Protein backbone atom coordinates (compact mmCIF):
# COMPACT_ATOMS: atom_id res chain seq x y z
CA UNK A 1 -3.90 14.20 -24.57
CA UNK A 2 -0.37 13.03 -23.81
CA UNK A 3 1.86 15.60 -22.11
CA UNK A 4 -1.04 17.55 -20.59
CA UNK A 5 -1.24 17.72 -16.80
CA UNK A 6 -4.54 17.19 -15.04
CA UNK A 7 -5.26 19.66 -12.26
CA UNK A 8 -8.85 18.85 -11.29
CA UNK A 9 -9.92 15.70 -9.45
CA UNK A 10 -11.66 13.74 -10.73
CA UNK A 11 -12.78 14.70 -14.23
CA UNK A 12 -13.27 13.42 -17.72
CA UNK A 13 -10.50 12.95 -20.20
CA UNK A 14 -9.75 11.18 -23.43
CA UNK A 15 -6.09 10.70 -22.54
CA UNK A 16 -4.60 7.29 -21.90
CA UNK A 17 -1.46 6.12 -20.15
CA UNK A 18 0.51 7.75 -17.34
CA UNK A 19 1.54 11.39 -17.49
CA UNK A 20 4.05 12.93 -15.13
CA UNK A 21 2.53 15.69 -12.96
CA UNK A 22 3.72 19.18 -13.75
CA UNK A 23 1.86 21.31 -11.22
CA UNK A 24 3.77 23.56 -8.85
CA UNK A 25 4.90 22.84 -5.32
CA UNK A 26 2.26 24.73 -3.35
CA UNK A 27 -0.23 23.26 -0.93
CA UNK A 28 -3.82 23.05 -2.17
CA UNK A 29 -7.16 22.36 -0.52
CA UNK A 30 -7.64 18.61 0.04
CA UNK A 31 -11.40 18.71 0.68
CA UNK A 32 -12.41 17.60 -2.85
CA UNK A 33 -14.82 14.72 -2.30
CA UNK A 34 -16.20 14.50 -5.82
CA UNK A 35 -14.42 11.20 -6.41
CA UNK A 36 -16.62 9.41 -3.89
CA UNK A 37 -15.90 8.33 -0.35
CA UNK A 38 -13.41 5.89 1.12
CA UNK A 39 -12.82 4.14 4.39
CA UNK A 40 -9.73 3.01 6.24
CA UNK A 41 -7.57 6.09 5.79
CA UNK A 42 -4.24 6.04 7.62
CA UNK A 43 -4.87 7.95 10.83
CA UNK A 44 -2.49 9.85 13.04
CA UNK A 45 -1.64 8.48 16.46
CA UNK A 46 0.73 11.32 17.16
CA UNK A 47 1.52 11.87 20.84
CA UNK A 48 4.77 13.72 20.39
CA UNK A 49 8.00 12.87 18.64
CA UNK A 50 8.24 11.70 15.06
CA UNK A 51 5.51 10.94 12.58
CA UNK A 52 3.13 8.20 13.65
CA UNK A 53 0.32 6.62 11.66
CA UNK A 54 -1.77 3.51 11.26
CA UNK A 55 -1.90 1.59 8.00
CA UNK A 56 -5.10 2.12 6.02
CA UNK A 57 -6.91 -0.20 3.65
CA UNK A 58 -8.01 -0.20 0.01
CA UNK A 59 -11.43 1.32 -0.52
CA UNK A 60 -14.17 -0.39 -2.52
CA UNK A 61 -15.01 0.93 -5.97
CA UNK A 62 -17.55 3.75 -5.88
CA UNK A 63 -19.56 4.05 -9.08
CA UNK A 64 -17.82 3.69 -12.42
CA UNK A 65 -14.59 5.21 -11.07
CA UNK A 66 -12.40 3.57 -8.46
CA UNK A 67 -10.84 5.69 -5.75
CA UNK A 68 -8.09 3.89 -3.82
CA UNK A 69 -6.48 4.84 -0.53
CA UNK A 70 -2.76 4.26 -0.96
CA UNK A 71 -0.75 3.13 2.06
CA UNK A 72 2.91 3.94 1.44
CA UNK A 73 5.31 2.94 4.18
CA UNK A 74 8.18 5.17 5.29
CA UNK A 75 11.71 3.92 4.96
CA UNK A 76 12.74 2.97 8.49
CA UNK A 77 16.37 3.96 9.07
CA UNK A 78 18.70 1.41 10.69
CA UNK A 79 19.89 2.95 13.98
CA UNK A 80 22.54 1.53 16.30
CA UNK A 81 22.32 2.73 19.90
CA UNK A 82 25.85 2.80 21.33
CA UNK A 83 25.58 3.37 25.08
CA UNK A 84 28.23 4.18 27.69
CA UNK A 85 28.42 1.34 30.23
CA UNK A 86 31.38 2.67 32.21
CA UNK A 87 31.59 2.94 35.99
CA UNK A 88 31.17 6.74 35.87
CA UNK A 89 27.52 6.06 34.96
CA UNK A 90 27.06 5.23 38.65
CA UNK A 91 27.45 8.95 39.46
CA UNK A 92 24.31 10.90 40.23
CA UNK A 93 22.59 13.35 37.95
CA UNK A 94 20.02 15.06 40.13
CA UNK A 95 18.40 12.43 42.31
CA UNK A 96 19.13 9.52 39.94
CA UNK A 97 22.24 7.83 38.68
CA UNK A 98 23.34 8.68 35.19
CA UNK A 99 22.55 5.11 34.21
CA UNK A 100 18.97 5.46 35.48
CA UNK A 101 18.59 8.71 33.52
CA UNK A 102 19.92 7.02 30.37
CA UNK A 103 17.71 3.96 30.87
CA UNK A 104 14.60 6.14 31.10
CA UNK A 105 15.67 8.07 27.97
CA UNK A 106 16.06 4.82 26.01
CA UNK A 107 12.64 3.72 27.21
CA UNK A 108 11.27 7.13 26.08
CA UNK A 109 12.81 6.68 22.63
CA UNK A 110 11.41 3.17 22.23
CA UNK A 111 7.95 4.16 23.45
CA UNK A 112 7.76 7.01 20.95
CA UNK A 113 9.54 5.77 17.84
CA UNK A 114 9.90 1.98 17.80
CA UNK A 115 7.49 1.68 14.81
CA UNK A 116 9.48 4.21 12.76
CA UNK A 117 13.02 2.97 13.40
CA UNK A 118 14.89 -0.28 12.97
CA UNK A 119 16.75 -0.23 16.28
CA UNK A 120 19.67 -2.17 17.68
CA UNK A 121 21.76 -1.69 20.81
CA UNK A 122 25.21 -2.32 22.21
CA UNK A 123 27.09 -1.24 25.30
CA UNK A 124 30.71 -0.24 25.69
CA UNK A 125 32.40 -2.09 27.30
CA UNK A 126 30.55 -5.36 26.71
CA UNK A 127 27.61 -6.27 28.89
CA UNK A 128 29.44 -9.19 30.54
CA UNK A 129 32.47 -7.14 31.59
CA UNK A 130 33.09 -6.56 35.31
CA UNK A 131 35.78 -4.68 37.21
CA UNK A 132 37.19 -8.01 38.36
CA UNK A 133 38.24 -8.72 34.77
CA UNK A 134 41.89 -8.24 33.81
CA UNK A 135 40.77 -5.67 31.24
CA UNK A 136 37.42 -3.91 31.51
CA UNK A 137 37.75 -2.30 28.09
CA UNK A 138 36.66 -5.22 25.93
CA UNK A 139 34.01 -4.28 23.39
CA UNK A 140 33.35 -7.02 20.84
CA UNK A 141 29.61 -7.73 20.86
CA UNK A 142 26.68 -5.98 19.27
CA UNK A 143 24.23 -7.23 21.88
CA UNK A 144 20.89 -6.62 20.10
CA UNK A 145 21.12 -6.67 16.28
CA UNK A 146 19.21 -3.96 14.41
CA UNK A 147 15.69 -5.07 13.47
CA UNK A 148 12.15 -3.66 13.07
CA UNK A 149 9.98 -3.33 16.18
CA UNK A 150 12.97 -4.22 18.35
CA UNK A 151 12.22 -2.14 21.43
CA UNK A 152 11.09 -4.98 23.66
CA UNK A 153 14.21 -6.99 22.81
CA UNK A 154 16.43 -4.01 23.66
CA UNK A 155 14.78 -3.41 27.02
CA UNK A 156 15.02 -7.13 27.83
CA UNK A 157 18.82 -6.98 27.42
CA UNK A 158 19.51 -3.48 28.76
CA UNK A 159 20.36 -3.67 32.50
CA UNK A 160 17.67 -2.04 34.64
CA UNK A 161 17.64 1.52 35.94
CA UNK A 162 18.97 0.37 39.32
CA UNK A 163 22.05 -1.29 37.84
CA UNK A 164 25.60 -0.02 38.53
CA UNK A 165 27.67 -0.31 35.35
CA UNK A 166 31.31 -1.40 35.67
CA UNK A 167 34.19 -0.90 33.30
CA UNK A 168 36.13 1.80 31.51
CA UNK A 169 35.13 3.81 28.43
CA UNK A 170 36.25 2.16 25.16
CA UNK A 171 34.35 4.58 22.90
CA UNK A 172 36.48 3.96 19.83
CA UNK A 173 35.85 0.21 19.95
CA UNK A 174 32.15 0.84 20.50
CA UNK A 175 31.62 2.91 17.36
CA UNK A 176 33.78 0.54 15.29
CA UNK A 177 31.71 -2.49 16.33
CA UNK A 178 28.49 -0.58 15.62
CA UNK A 179 29.67 0.54 12.18
CA UNK A 180 30.71 -3.02 11.29
CA UNK A 181 27.23 -4.25 12.23
CA UNK A 182 25.46 -1.53 10.23
CA UNK A 183 27.59 -2.38 7.20
CA UNK A 184 26.02 -5.85 7.13
CA UNK A 185 22.62 -4.22 6.45
CA UNK A 186 21.12 -2.95 3.21
CA UNK A 187 23.12 0.17 2.19
CA UNK A 188 20.05 1.51 0.38
CA UNK A 189 18.39 2.01 3.79
CA UNK A 190 19.61 5.03 5.79
CA UNK A 191 21.96 4.08 8.64
CA UNK A 192 23.07 6.00 11.73
CA UNK A 193 24.79 5.64 15.11
CA UNK A 194 23.40 7.28 18.24
CA UNK A 195 26.40 7.52 20.61
CA UNK A 196 25.66 8.42 24.24
CA UNK A 197 28.60 8.96 26.60
CA UNK A 198 29.27 10.74 29.87
CA UNK A 199 33.04 11.10 29.67
CA UNK A 200 36.22 10.98 27.69
CA UNK A 201 37.29 7.74 26.08
CA UNK A 202 39.54 6.05 28.65
CA UNK A 203 41.11 2.61 28.59
CA UNK A 204 44.36 1.08 29.77
CA UNK A 205 46.20 -2.22 30.02
CA UNK A 206 44.08 -3.11 33.04
CA UNK A 207 41.16 -1.70 34.98
CA UNK A 208 43.38 0.22 37.36
CA UNK A 209 45.16 2.29 34.72
CA UNK A 210 43.03 4.64 32.66
CA UNK A 211 44.69 6.00 29.56
CA UNK A 212 43.09 8.24 26.95
CA UNK A 213 41.61 6.15 24.13
CA UNK A 214 43.04 8.22 21.30
CA UNK A 215 41.57 8.68 17.85
CA UNK A 216 37.83 8.50 18.57
CA UNK A 217 36.94 11.55 16.49
CA UNK A 218 39.15 10.34 13.62
CA UNK A 219 37.39 6.96 13.65
CA UNK A 220 33.95 8.60 13.74
CA UNK A 221 35.00 10.83 10.85
CA UNK A 222 36.13 7.83 8.78
CA UNK A 223 32.89 5.99 9.49
CA UNK A 224 31.00 8.99 8.09
CA UNK A 225 33.20 10.09 5.19
CA UNK A 226 34.19 6.65 3.89
CA UNK A 227 31.38 4.34 4.97
CA UNK A 228 28.57 6.89 4.76
CA UNK A 229 27.31 6.28 8.31
CA UNK A 230 26.73 9.42 10.40
CA UNK A 231 27.13 9.49 14.17
CA UNK A 232 24.95 11.65 16.42
CA UNK A 233 26.93 12.39 19.58
CA UNK A 234 24.95 12.93 22.79
CA UNK A 235 26.91 14.11 25.81
CA UNK A 236 25.38 13.01 29.11
CA UNK A 237 26.10 15.30 32.10
CA UNK A 238 28.83 17.10 30.16
CA UNK A 239 28.09 20.61 31.37
CA UNK A 240 31.07 21.97 33.29
CA UNK A 241 33.30 19.00 32.46
CA UNK A 242 36.69 19.09 30.79
CA UNK A 243 35.77 16.79 27.89
CA UNK A 244 33.32 19.12 26.12
CA UNK A 245 35.95 20.01 23.52
CA UNK A 246 36.33 16.33 22.61
CA UNK A 247 32.55 15.88 22.42
CA UNK A 248 32.41 18.79 19.99
CA UNK A 249 35.16 17.22 17.89
CA UNK A 250 33.28 13.92 17.77
CA UNK A 251 29.97 15.62 16.98
CA UNK A 252 31.50 17.54 14.09
CA UNK A 253 33.36 14.49 12.76
CA UNK A 254 30.17 12.42 12.78
CA UNK A 255 28.60 14.58 10.10
CA UNK A 256 25.48 15.43 12.08
CA UNK A 257 26.45 18.26 14.46
CA UNK A 258 23.82 19.84 16.65
CA UNK A 259 22.14 22.52 14.49
CA UNK A 260 20.87 24.41 17.54
CA UNK A 261 24.21 26.12 18.04
CA UNK A 262 26.33 26.40 21.15
CA UNK A 263 27.82 22.93 20.72
CA UNK A 264 28.39 20.36 18.00
CA UNK A 265 27.21 17.56 20.28
CA UNK A 266 23.68 17.20 21.65
CA UNK A 267 23.59 18.04 25.38
CA UNK A 268 21.82 15.81 27.87
CA UNK A 269 22.50 17.54 31.16
CA UNK A 270 19.36 16.33 32.92
CA UNK A 271 16.47 13.95 32.28
CA UNK A 272 14.46 16.44 30.23
CA UNK A 273 17.34 17.59 28.03
CA UNK A 274 18.53 14.03 27.39
CA UNK A 275 15.08 13.01 26.22
CA UNK A 276 14.90 16.19 24.12
CA UNK A 277 18.25 15.25 22.56
CA UNK A 278 16.91 11.80 21.66
CA UNK A 279 13.81 13.40 20.17
CA UNK A 280 15.90 15.82 18.12
CA UNK A 281 18.19 13.18 16.63
CA UNK A 282 15.32 10.77 15.95
CA UNK A 283 13.35 13.38 14.04
CA UNK A 284 16.48 14.28 12.09
CA UNK A 285 17.18 10.67 11.09
CA UNK A 286 13.59 9.85 10.10
CA UNK A 287 13.40 9.90 6.33
CA UNK A 288 10.69 11.58 4.26
CA UNK A 289 11.03 8.83 1.64
CA UNK A 290 8.08 6.45 1.42
CA UNK A 291 7.84 3.14 -0.41
CA UNK A 292 4.83 2.25 -2.58
CA UNK A 293 3.79 -1.35 -3.17
CA UNK A 294 3.30 -0.46 -6.83
CA UNK A 295 3.66 2.63 -8.99
CA UNK A 296 0.55 4.83 -9.30
CA UNK A 297 -1.68 3.76 -12.16
CA UNK A 298 -2.07 7.42 -13.20
CA UNK A 299 0.55 9.70 -11.73
CA UNK A 300 -1.41 12.82 -12.71
CA UNK A 301 -4.22 11.74 -10.37
CA UNK A 302 -2.05 10.65 -7.43
CA UNK A 303 -2.74 12.97 -4.51
CA UNK A 304 -0.74 13.40 -1.31
CA UNK A 305 -1.78 15.23 1.87
CA UNK A 306 0.01 15.79 5.17
CA UNK A 307 -1.84 17.07 8.22
CA UNK A 308 -4.94 17.59 6.07
CA UNK A 309 -3.12 19.81 3.55
CA UNK A 310 -2.88 18.51 0.00
CA UNK A 311 0.50 19.06 -1.64
CA UNK A 312 1.19 19.19 -5.35
CA UNK A 313 3.87 17.35 -7.29
CA UNK A 314 7.23 19.12 -7.67
CA UNK A 315 9.99 18.05 -10.07
CA UNK A 316 12.41 17.77 -7.14
CA UNK A 317 12.62 18.92 -3.54
CA UNK A 318 14.74 21.92 -4.49
CA UNK A 319 11.56 23.37 -6.03
CA UNK A 320 9.81 23.87 -2.68
CA UNK A 321 6.95 22.33 -0.70
CA UNK A 322 5.24 19.28 -2.12
CA UNK A 323 6.12 15.72 -3.07
CA UNK A 324 8.09 14.07 -5.84
CA UNK A 325 9.00 10.66 -7.18
CA UNK A 326 12.43 9.41 -6.14
CA UNK A 327 14.57 9.09 -9.29
CA UNK A 328 15.35 5.62 -10.64
CA UNK A 329 12.62 3.89 -8.60
CA UNK A 330 10.06 3.47 -11.40
CA UNK A 331 7.68 5.72 -9.39
CA UNK A 332 7.63 3.21 -6.51
CA UNK A 333 9.08 5.69 -4.01
CA UNK A 334 7.94 9.20 -3.20
CA UNK A 335 9.67 11.89 -1.16
CA UNK A 336 7.96 14.63 0.81
CA UNK A 337 9.55 18.05 0.38
CA UNK A 338 9.83 21.24 2.38
CA UNK A 339 6.84 21.95 4.62
CA UNK A 340 5.31 18.55 3.84
CA UNK A 341 8.43 16.77 5.11
CA UNK A 342 8.69 18.99 8.19
CA UNK A 343 5.06 18.34 9.11
CA UNK A 344 5.48 14.58 8.56
CA UNK A 345 8.55 14.43 10.80
CA UNK A 346 6.75 16.50 13.41
CA UNK A 347 4.03 13.90 13.85
CA UNK A 348 1.40 14.88 11.27
CA UNK A 349 -0.87 12.29 9.67
CA UNK A 350 -0.15 11.22 6.12
CA UNK A 351 -2.71 10.31 3.45
CA UNK A 352 -2.38 9.36 -0.21
CA UNK A 353 -5.07 8.59 -2.77
CA UNK A 354 -5.09 7.29 -6.31
CA UNK A 355 -8.00 8.88 -8.13
CA UNK A 356 -9.16 7.91 -11.60
CA UNK A 357 -11.21 9.51 -14.32
CA UNK A 358 -14.93 8.81 -14.58
CA UNK A 359 -15.57 6.62 -17.58
């Protein structure tokens, strides 16, 4: 009857129409197979990093009741990689140049998360700048516009690991150009800047006079507080340097400081820690919001499981572990909450089914 929640799957009922689920936010056993069998479930391809899955297919009807595998797609955030292309990147970090270490970290990010992120990339200063220019601080171009499955395009433009970057460090211009590009994209999709730099922002009237590029943290703060675009600040080879205080200021201003403690920026002091920093910020930016092609035909019989654990509907994510409908989306978006979201971001497989009542 209307207003009564259904807690067993599947079963018989005389109710009609869609009823909002009212069960609590605790995980329940997902091994109920009484609704029949299905094929083509989304399967995990997790090898580390963020959540990875293949798209499943709709199952055939089984008996008088149809059981459908639902294939919601996660919202891919729009991420602008803003990478330091200054001459200090020629310095060595271990047995490689800083540029080689950064190149390998970008390759690591793309290899692990290209399907889950809409990526774009720019360098500061611009890619075509050289030290023979009258001013090696020019940053005007967003070299690879943000797009889905963009990793190959980024690596095609990014100079190779053996390259020696020229130029100064126009960080302020870099984040401003990136923010302007992100503002051309759908504001309903999460947006973020990943800023990687190995030194203080320095630029002068020509390449031979380096002056502090003032106001970087203020600009990053405005991009976050006014435009709603956070900046994750990754400091490459910063340990022991005199610009750590400025990195912390930028990391705090960007609205996404390092939660690990010890610094507000994310440290990348060697190859392993730089890749770990990329992994940390990627997992943080991945959303637990998933889009449905259409609203569930019976919300009381819509079942969600993450890593083999079935989670119940919760009114909102403040209520604990589970899943909920995103408000004002006509039930065409769901959000994973608490432990379900954490498992999803950690690489767990995700399944959803629409059951129906036997008739």
